[in-house]
Amino acid sequence: GTRKEDAIARVRQGMKAMLRLGSAWYDVAEQIRAVTEDGLDPRNFILCTDDSHSETLVYEGHMDRVVRHAISRGLKPITAIQMAT
């Protein structure tokens, strides 16, 4: 799932939620709200890419792009870096 509620459900069931930002998949903005609004532990969330086109990698970046996007959605910079590593 791509909704905030899907991420919350995964974490509450003991799983990690993967928040993806790729050329074909964008669910970071919605699911990051589980951390920024609902206060869930960011250690249970993973920032990752998914199906990134080569042009996206060259012109926008890879994991740095995901980290910047998460920060722009209200995540603290250090937390975004922790979630990406």
PDB file of N, CA and C in Angstrom:
ATOM      1  N   GLY A   1       0.801  -1.190   0.000  1.00  0.00           N
ATOM      2  CA  GLY A   1       0.000   0.000   0.000  1.00  0.00           C
ATOM      3  C   GLY A   1       0.846   1.255   0.000  1.00  0.00           C
ATOM      4  N   THR A   2       0.233   2.329  -0.349  1.00  0.00           N
ATOM      5  CA  THR A   2       0.956   3.598  -0.447  1.00  0.00           C
ATOM      6  C   THR A   2       0.430   4.663   0.505  1.00  0.00           C
ATOM      7  N   ARG A   3      -0.557   4.322   1.295  1.00  0.00           N
ATOM      8  CA  ARG A   3      -1.160   5.315   2.186  1.00  0.00           C
ATOM      9  C   ARG A   3      -0.446   5.342   3.540  1.00  0.00           C
ATOM     10  N   LYS A   4      -0.638   6.422   4.257  1.00  0.00           N
ATOM     11  CA  LYS A   4      -0.087   6.538   5.607  1.00  0.00           C
ATOM     12  C   LYS A   4      -0.581   5.384   6.467  1.00  0.00           C
ATOM     13  N   GLU A   5      -1.845   5.043   6.334  1.00  0.00           N
ATOM     14  CA  GLU A   5      -2.438   3.971   7.129  1.00  0.00           C
ATOM     15  C   GLU A   5      -1.762   2.628   6.855  1.00  0.00           C
ATOM     16  N   ASP A   6      -1.328   2.411   5.619  1.00  0.00           N
ATOM     17  CA  ASP A   6      -0.622   1.173   5.277  1.00  0.00           C
ATOM     18  C   ASP A   6       0.718   1.098   6.002  1.00  0.00           C
ATOM     19  N   ALA A   7       1.431   2.213   6.044  1.00  0.00           N
ATOM     20  CA  ALA A   7       2.718   2.258   6.742  1.00  0.00           C
ATOM     21  C   ALA A   7       2.526   2.020   8.234  1.00  0.00           C
ATOM     22  N   ILE A   8       1.519   2.639   8.814  1.00  0.00           N
ATOM     23  CA  ILE A   8       1.237   2.458  10.239  1.00  0.00           C
ATOM     24  C   ILE A   8       0.911   1.000  10.531  1.00  0.00           C
ATOM     25  N   ALA A   9       0.099   0.381   9.696  1.00  0.00           N
ATOM     26  CA  ALA A   9      -0.276  -1.025   9.895  1.00  0.00           C
ATOM     27  C   ALA A   9       0.955  -1.930   9.848  1.00  0.00           C
ATOM     28  N   ARG A  10       1.846  -1.702   8.913  1.00  0.00           N
ATOM     29  CA  ARG A  10       3.059  -2.523   8.813  1.00  0.00           C
ATOM     30  C   ARG A  10       3.900  -2.411  10.083  1.00  0.00           C
ATOM     31  N   VAL A  11       4.116  -1.180  10.519  1.00  0.00           N
ATOM     32  CA  VAL A  11       4.952  -0.959  11.700  1.00  0.00           C
ATOM     33  C   VAL A  11       4.312  -1.583  12.937  1.00  0.00           C
ATOM     34  N   ARG A  12       3.030  -1.450  13.076  1.00  0.00           N
ATOM     35  CA  ARG A  12       2.340  -2.020  14.244  1.00  0.00           C
ATOM     36  C   ARG A  12       2.355  -3.545  14.236  1.00  0.00           C
ATOM     37  N   GLN A  13       2.577  -4.148  13.064  1.00  0.00           N
ATOM     38  CA  GLN A  13       2.676  -5.607  12.953  1.00  0.00           C
ATOM     39  C   GLN A  13       4.120  -6.090  13.061  1.00  0.00           C
ATOM     40  N   GLY A  14       5.029  -5.170  13.395  1.00  0.00           N
ATOM     41  CA  GLY A  14       6.420  -5.532  13.605  1.00  0.00           C
ATOM     42  C   GLY A  14       7.283  -5.505  12.360  1.00  0.00           C
ATOM     43  N   MET A  15       6.769  -4.978  11.282  1.00  0.00           N
ATOM     44  CA  MET A  15       7.540  -4.894  10.042  1.00  0.00           C
ATOM     45  C   MET A  15       8.113  -3.491   9.874  1.00  0.00           C
ATOM     46  N   LYS A  16       9.010  -3.353   8.927  1.00  0.00           N
ATOM     47  CA  LYS A  16       9.525  -2.044   8.530  1.00  0.00           C
ATOM     48  C   LYS A  16       8.705  -1.560   7.341  1.00  0.00           C
ATOM     49  N   ALA A  17       8.451  -0.281   7.280  1.00  0.00           N
ATOM     50  CA  ALA A  17       7.735   0.304   6.146  1.00  0.00           C
ATOM     51  C   ALA A  17       8.762   0.928   5.208  1.00  0.00           C
ATOM     52  N   MET A  18       8.704   0.532   3.939  1.00  0.00           N
ATOM     53  CA  MET A  18       9.606   1.077   2.925  1.00  0.00           C
ATOM     54  C   MET A  18       8.912   2.225   2.214  1.00  0.00           C
ATOM     55  N   LEU A  19       9.484   3.405   2.324  1.00  0.00           N
ATOM     56  CA  LEU A  19       8.935   4.605   1.690  1.00  0.00           C
ATOM     57  C   LEU A  19       9.720   4.851   0.414  1.00  0.00           C
ATOM     58  N   ARG A  20       9.056   4.703  -0.709  1.00  0.00           N
ATOM     59  CA  ARG A  20       9.744   4.688  -2.002  1.00  0.00           C
ATOM     60  C   ARG A  20       9.566   5.989  -2.775  1.00  0.00           C
ATOM     61  N   LEU A  21      10.649   6.381  -3.410  1.00  0.00           N
ATOM     62  CA  LEU A  21      10.610   7.502  -4.339  1.00  0.00           C
ATOM     63  C   LEU A  21      11.420   7.089  -5.556  1.00  0.00           C
ATOM     64  N   GLY A  22      10.734   6.827  -6.626  1.00  0.00           N
ATOM     65  CA  GLY A  22      11.397   6.424  -7.864  1.00  0.00           C
ATOM     66  C   GLY A  22      10.734   7.101  -9.037  1.00  0.00           C
ATOM     67  N   SER A  23      11.098   6.681 -10.210  1.00  0.00           N
ATOM     68  CA  SER A  23      10.502   7.264 -11.409  1.00  0.00           C
ATOM     69  C   SER A  23       9.066   6.807 -11.600  1.00  0.00           C
ATOM     70  N   ALA A  24       8.722   5.671 -11.020  1.00  0.00           N
ATOM     71  CA  ALA A  24       7.377   5.134 -11.206  1.00  0.00           C
ATOM     72  C   ALA A  24       6.595   5.001  -9.898  1.00  0.00           C
ATOM     73  N   TRP A  25       7.219   5.304  -8.775  1.00  0.00           N
ATOM     74  CA  TRP A  25       6.555   5.060  -7.494  1.00  0.00           C
ATOM     75  C   TRP A  25       6.840   6.210  -6.543  1.00  0.00           C
ATOM     76  N   TYR A  26       5.792   6.840  -6.046  1.00  0.00           N
ATOM     77  CA  TYR A  26       5.949   7.995  -5.151  1.00  0.00           C
ATOM     78  C   TYR A  26       5.051   7.820  -3.929  1.00  0.00           C
ATOM     79  N   ASP A  27       5.573   7.272  -2.854  1.00  0.00           N
ATOM     80  CA  ASP A  27       4.738   7.190  -1.660  1.00  0.00           C
ATOM     81  C   ASP A  27       5.387   7.798  -0.418  1.00  0.00           C
ATOM     82  N   VAL A  28       6.547   8.422  -0.580  1.00  0.00           N
ATOM     83  CA  VAL A  28       7.210   9.051   0.562  1.00  0.00           C
ATOM     84  C   VAL A  28       6.333  10.145   1.163  1.00  0.00           C
ATOM     85  N   ALA A  29       5.808  11.023   0.333  1.00  0.00           N
ATOM     86  CA  ALA A  29       5.046  12.179   0.824  1.00  0.00           C
ATOM     87  C   ALA A  29       3.859  11.761   1.684  1.00  0.00           C
ATOM     88  N   GLU A  30       3.175  10.728   1.285  1.00  0.00           N
ATOM     89  CA  GLU A  30       1.998  10.271   2.032  1.00  0.00           C
ATOM     90  C   GLU A  30       2.407   9.499   3.284  1.00  0.00           C
ATOM     91  N   GLN A  31       3.330   8.557   3.144  1.00  0.00           N
ATOM     92  CA  GLN A  31       3.663   7.685   4.267  1.00  0.00           C
ATOM     93  C   GLN A  31       4.548   8.354   5.314  1.00  0.00           C
ATOM     94  N   ILE A  32       5.307   9.376   4.934  1.00  0.00           N
ATOM     95  CA  ILE A  32       6.173  10.064   5.898  1.00  0.00           C
ATOM     96  C   ILE A  32       5.345  10.724   6.995  1.00  0.00           C
ATOM     97  N   ARG A  33       4.084  10.956   6.713  1.00  0.00           N
ATOM     98  CA  ARG A  33       3.189  11.572   7.696  1.00  0.00           C
ATOM     99  C   ARG A  33       3.014  10.702   8.942  1.00  0.00           C
ATOM    100  N   ALA A  34       3.245   9.398   8.818  1.00  0.00           N
ATOM    101  CA  ALA A  34       3.173   8.524   9.989  1.00  0.00           C
ATOM    102  C   ALA A  34       4.236   8.913  11.013  1.00  0.00           C
ATOM    103  N   VAL A  35       5.345   9.457  10.545  1.00  0.00           N
ATOM    104  CA  VAL A  35       6.418   9.918  11.434  1.00  0.00           C
ATOM    105  C   VAL A  35       6.197  11.371  11.823  1.00  0.00           C
ATOM    106  N   THR A  36       5.950  12.233  10.831  1.00  0.00           N
ATOM    107  CA  THR A  36       5.868  13.675  11.100  1.00  0.00           C
ATOM    108  C   THR A  36       4.591  14.084  11.815  1.00  0.00           C
ATOM    109  N   GLU A  37       3.493  13.396  11.562  1.00  0.00           N
ATOM    110  CA  GLU A  37       2.212  13.774  12.175  1.00  0.00           C
ATOM    111  C   GLU A  37       1.794  12.851  13.314  1.00  0.00           C
ATOM    112  N   ASP A  38       2.031  11.549  13.154  1.00  0.00           N
ATOM    113  CA  ASP A  38       1.565  10.588  14.150  1.00  0.00           C
ATOM    114  C   ASP A  38       2.641  10.190  15.152  1.00  0.00           C
ATOM    115  N   GLY A  39       3.872  10.616  14.923  1.00  0.00           N
ATOM    116  CA  GLY A  39       4.938  10.401  15.893  1.00  0.00           C
ATOM    117  C   GLY A  39       5.466   8.988  15.994  1.00  0.00           C
ATOM    118  N   LEU A  40       5.282   8.167  14.967  1.00  0.00           N
ATOM    119  CA  LEU A  40       5.833   6.820  15.019  1.00  0.00           C
ATOM    120  C   LEU A  40       7.354   6.872  14.950  1.00  0.00           C
ATOM    121  N   ASP A  41       7.988   5.864  15.498  1.00  0.00           N
ATOM    122  CA  ASP A  41       9.444   5.801  15.579  1.00  0.00           C
ATOM    123  C   ASP A  41      10.044   5.689  14.176  1.00  0.00           C
ATOM    124  N   PRO A  42      10.846   6.656  13.762  1.00  0.00           N
ATOM    125  CA  PRO A  42      11.408   6.631  12.406  1.00  0.00           C
ATOM    126  C   PRO A  42      12.344   5.455  12.155  1.00  0.00           C
ATOM    127  N   ARG A  43      12.799   4.777  13.216  1.00  0.00           N
ATOM    128  CA  ARG A  43      13.663   3.607  13.020  1.00  0.00           C
ATOM    129  C   ARG A  43      12.920   2.448  12.372  1.00  0.00           C
ATOM    130  N   ASN A  44      11.602   2.553  12.296  1.00  0.00           N
ATOM    131  CA  ASN A  44      10.799   1.510  11.663  1.00  0.00           C
ATOM    132  C   ASN A  44      10.441   1.834  10.218  1.00  0.00           C
ATOM    133  N   PHE A  45      11.036   2.888   9.688  1.00  0.00           N
ATOM    134  CA  PHE A  45      10.746   3.323   8.323  1.00  0.00           C
ATOM    135  C   PHE A  45      12.047   3.400   7.535  1.00  0.00           C
ATOM    136  N   ILE A  46      11.996   2.997   6.279  1.00  0.00           N
ATOM    137  CA  ILE A  46      13.177   2.968   5.423  1.00  0.00           C
ATOM    138  C   ILE A  46      12.915   3.825   4.190  1.00  0.00           C
ATOM    139  N   LEU A  47      13.784   4.787   3.944  1.00  0.00           N
ATOM    140  CA  LEU A  47      13.704   5.555   2.704  1.00  0.00           C
ATOM    141  C   LEU A  47      14.464   4.792   1.627  1.00  0.00           C
ATOM    142  N   CYS A  48      13.848   4.632   0.470  1.00  0.00           N
ATOM    143  CA  CYS A  48      14.510   3.909  -0.613  1.00  0.00           C
ATOM    144  C   CYS A  48      14.025   4.413  -1.962  1.00  0.00           C
ATOM    145  N   THR A  49      14.720   3.986  -3.000  1.00  0.00           N
ATOM    146  CA  THR A  49      14.296   4.306  -4.357  1.00  0.00           C
ATOM    147  C   THR A  49      13.633   3.070  -4.939  1.00  0.00           C
ATOM    148  N   ASP A  50      12.923   3.255  -6.019  1.00  0.00           N
ATOM    149  CA  ASP A  50      12.277   2.124  -6.676  1.00  0.00           C
ATOM    150  C   ASP A  50      12.128   2.462  -8.153  1.00  0.00           C
ATOM    151  N   ASP A  51      12.747   1.675  -8.990  1.00  0.00           N
ATOM    152  CA  ASP A  51      12.586   1.814 -10.435  1.00  0.00           C
ATOM    153  C   ASP A  51      12.921   3.223 -10.918  1.00  0.00           C
ATOM    154  N   SER A  52      14.120   3.683 -10.608  1.00  0.00           N
ATOM    155  CA  SER A  52      14.529   5.020 -11.037  1.00  0.00           C
ATOM    156  C   SER A  52      15.126   4.970 -12.441  1.00  0.00           C
ATOM    157  N   HIS A  53      14.688   5.845 -13.294  1.00  0.00           N
ATOM    158  CA  HIS A  53      15.231   5.946 -14.647  1.00  0.00           C
ATOM    159  C   HIS A  53      16.627   6.552 -14.596  1.00  0.00           C
ATOM    160  N   SER A  54      17.443   6.225 -15.564  1.00  0.00           N
ATOM    161  CA  SER A  54      18.817   6.732 -15.583  1.00  0.00           C
ATOM    162  C   SER A  54      18.852   8.261 -15.645  1.00  0.00           C
ATOM    163  N   GLU A  55      17.937   8.866 -16.369  1.00  0.00           N
ATOM    164  CA  GLU A  55      17.894  10.333 -16.436  1.00  0.00           C
ATOM    165  C   GLU A  55      17.605  10.942 -15.069  1.00  0.00           C
ATOM    166  N   THR A  56      16.727  10.305 -14.306  1.00  0.00           N
ATOM    167  CA  THR A  56      16.416  10.781 -12.957  1.00  0.00           C
ATOM    168  C   THR A  56      17.666  10.729 -12.090  1.00  0.00           C
ATOM    169  N   LEU A  57      18.411   9.635 -12.186  1.00  0.00           N
ATOM    170  CA  LEU A  57      19.629   9.488 -11.388  1.00  0.00           C
ATOM    171  C   LEU A  57      20.657  10.562 -11.739  1.00  0.00           C
ATOM    172  N   VAL A  58      20.804  10.849 -13.020  1.00  0.00           N
ATOM    173  CA  VAL A  58      21.800  11.824 -13.467  1.00  0.00           C
ATOM    174  C   VAL A  58      21.411  13.245 -13.078  1.00  0.00           C
ATOM    175  N   TYR A  59      20.155  13.604 -13.304  1.00  0.00           N
ATOM    176  CA  TYR A  59      19.749  15.007 -13.143  1.00  0.00           C
ATOM    177  C   TYR A  59      19.163  15.348 -11.773  1.00  0.00           C
ATOM    178  N   GLU A  60      18.630  14.355 -11.076  1.00  0.00           N
ATOM    179  CA  GLU A  60      17.997  14.644  -9.784  1.00  0.00           C
ATOM    180  C   GLU A  60      18.677  13.951  -8.615  1.00  0.00           C
ATOM    181  N   GLY A  61      19.437  12.907  -8.881  1.00  0.00           N
ATOM    182  CA  GLY A  61      20.126  12.190  -7.822  1.00  0.00           C
ATOM    183  C   GLY A  61      19.483  10.858  -7.505  1.00  0.00           C
ATOM    184  N   HIS A  62      20.083  10.175  -6.543  1.00  0.00           N
ATOM    185  CA  HIS A  62      19.605   8.849  -6.146  1.00  0.00           C
ATOM    186  C   HIS A  62      19.070   8.940  -4.722  1.00  0.00           C
ATOM    187  N   MET A  63      19.807   8.429  -3.744  1.00  0.00           N
ATOM    188  CA  MET A  63      19.331   8.498  -2.363  1.00  0.00           C
ATOM    189  C   MET A  63      19.298   9.935  -1.856  1.00  0.00           C
ATOM    190  N   ASP A  64      20.195  10.772  -2.353  1.00  0.00           N
ATOM    191  CA  ASP A  64      20.162  12.180  -1.962  1.00  0.00           C
ATOM    192  C   ASP A  64      18.838  12.819  -2.365  1.00  0.00           C
ATOM    193  N   ARG A  65      18.288  12.399  -3.481  1.00  0.00           N
ATOM    194  CA  ARG A  65      16.980  12.903  -3.930  1.00  0.00           C
ATOM    195  C   ARG A  65      15.881  12.514  -2.940  1.00  0.00           C
ATOM    196  N   VAL A  66      15.919  11.267  -2.487  1.00  0.00           N
ATOM    197  CA  VAL A  66      14.910  10.789  -1.537  1.00  0.00           C
ATOM    198  C   VAL A  66      15.034  11.533  -0.210  1.00  0.00           C
ATOM    199  N   VAL A  67      16.254  11.722   0.253  1.00  0.00           N
ATOM    200  CA  VAL A  67      16.487  12.437   1.510  1.00  0.00           C
ATOM    201  C   VAL A  67      15.985  13.876   1.405  1.00  0.00           C
ATOM    202  N   ARG A  68      16.318  14.555   0.319  1.00  0.00           N
ATOM    203  CA  ARG A  68      15.840  15.938   0.131  1.00  0.00           C
ATOM    204  C   ARG A  68      14.313  15.997   0.115  1.00  0.00           C
ATOM    205  N   HIS A  69      13.697  15.026  -0.553  1.00  0.00           N
ATOM    206  CA  HIS A  69      12.237  14.998  -0.636  1.00  0.00           C
ATOM    207  C   HIS A  69      11.616  14.808   0.755  1.00  0.00           C
ATOM    208  N   ALA A  70      12.170  13.889   1.533  1.00  0.00           N
ATOM    209  CA  ALA A  70      11.650  13.646   2.886  1.00  0.00           C
ATOM    210  C   ALA A  70      11.786  14.894   3.752  1.00  0.00           C
ATOM    211  N   ILE A  71      12.911  15.583   3.638  1.00  0.00           N
ATOM    212  CA  ILE A  71      13.116  16.819   4.397  1.00  0.00           C
ATOM    213  C   ILE A  71      12.109  17.877   3.965  1.00  0.00           C
ATOM    214  N   SER A  72      11.847  17.955   2.676  1.00  0.00           N
ATOM    215  CA  SER A  72      10.879  18.949   2.181  1.00  0.00           C
ATOM    216  C   SER A  72       9.469  18.654   2.667  1.00  0.00           C
ATOM    217  N   ARG A  73       9.230  17.420   3.106  1.00  0.00           N
ATOM    218  CA  ARG A  73       7.921  17.030   3.635  1.00  0.00           C
ATOM    219  C   ARG A  73       7.859  17.115   5.153  1.00  0.00           C
ATOM    220  N   GLY A  74       8.881  17.732   5.770  1.00  0.00           N
ATOM    221  CA  GLY A  74       8.822  18.000   7.200  1.00  0.00           C
ATOM    222  C   GLY A  74       9.666  17.115   8.086  1.00  0.00           C
ATOM    223  N   LEU A  75      10.399  16.184   7.518  1.00  0.00           N
ATOM    224  CA  LEU A  75      11.254  15.322   8.321  1.00  0.00           C
ATOM    225  C   LEU A  75      12.531  16.075   8.684  1.00  0.00           C
ATOM    226  N   LYS A  76      13.017  15.890   9.901  1.00  0.00           N
ATOM    227  CA  LYS A  76      14.271  16.517  10.310  1.00  0.00           C
ATOM    228  C   LYS A  76      15.407  15.927   9.470  1.00  0.00           C
ATOM    229  N   PRO A  77      16.370  16.759   9.072  1.00  0.00           N
ATOM    230  CA  PRO A  77      17.460  16.264   8.219  1.00  0.00           C
ATOM    231  C   PRO A  77      18.198  15.050   8.780  1.00  0.00           C
ATOM    232  N   ILE A  78      18.549  15.064  10.054  1.00  0.00           N
ATOM    233  CA  ILE A  78      19.283  13.929  10.624  1.00  0.00           C
ATOM    234  C   ILE A  78      18.429  12.668  10.599  1.00  0.00           C
ATOM    235  N   THR A  79      17.133  12.811  10.820  1.00  0.00           N
ATOM    236  CA  THR A  79      16.228  11.662  10.782  1.00  0.00           C
ATOM    237  C   THR A  79      16.128  11.109   9.369  1.00  0.00           C
ATOM    238  N   ALA A  80      16.072  11.984   8.381  1.00  0.00           N
ATOM    239  CA  ALA A  80      16.014  11.541   6.984  1.00  0.00           C
ATOM    240  C   ALA A  80      17.268  10.751   6.619  1.00  0.00           C
ATOM    241  N   ILE A  81      18.420  11.227   7.056  1.00  0.00           N
ATOM    242  CA  ILE A  81      19.670  10.515   6.775  1.00  0.00           C
ATOM    243  C   ILE A  81      19.677   9.160   7.470  1.00  0.00           C
ATOM    244  N   GLN A  82      19.218   9.109   8.709  1.00  0.00           N
ATOM    245  CA  GLN A  82      19.153   7.839   9.433  1.00  0.00           C
ATOM    246  C   GLN A  82      18.234   6.851   8.726  1.00  0.00           C
ATOM    247  N   MET A  83      17.114   7.337   8.215  1.00  0.00           N
ATOM    248  CA  MET A  83      16.155   6.452   7.545  1.00  0.00           C
ATOM    249  C   MET A  83      16.671   5.967   6.195  1.00  0.00           C
ATOM    250  N   ALA A  84      17.650   6.658   5.636  1.00  0.00           N
ATOM    251  CA  ALA A  84      18.196   6.285   4.332  1.00  0.00           C
ATOM    252  C   ALA A  84      19.443   5.406   4.445  1.00  0.00           C
ATOM    253  N   THR A  85      19.945   5.222   5.662  1.00  0.00           N
ATOM    254  CA  THR A  85      21.176   4.436   5.825  1.00  0.00           C
ATOM    255  C   THR A  85      20.943   3.200   6.660  1.00  0.00           C
TER     256      THR A  85
END
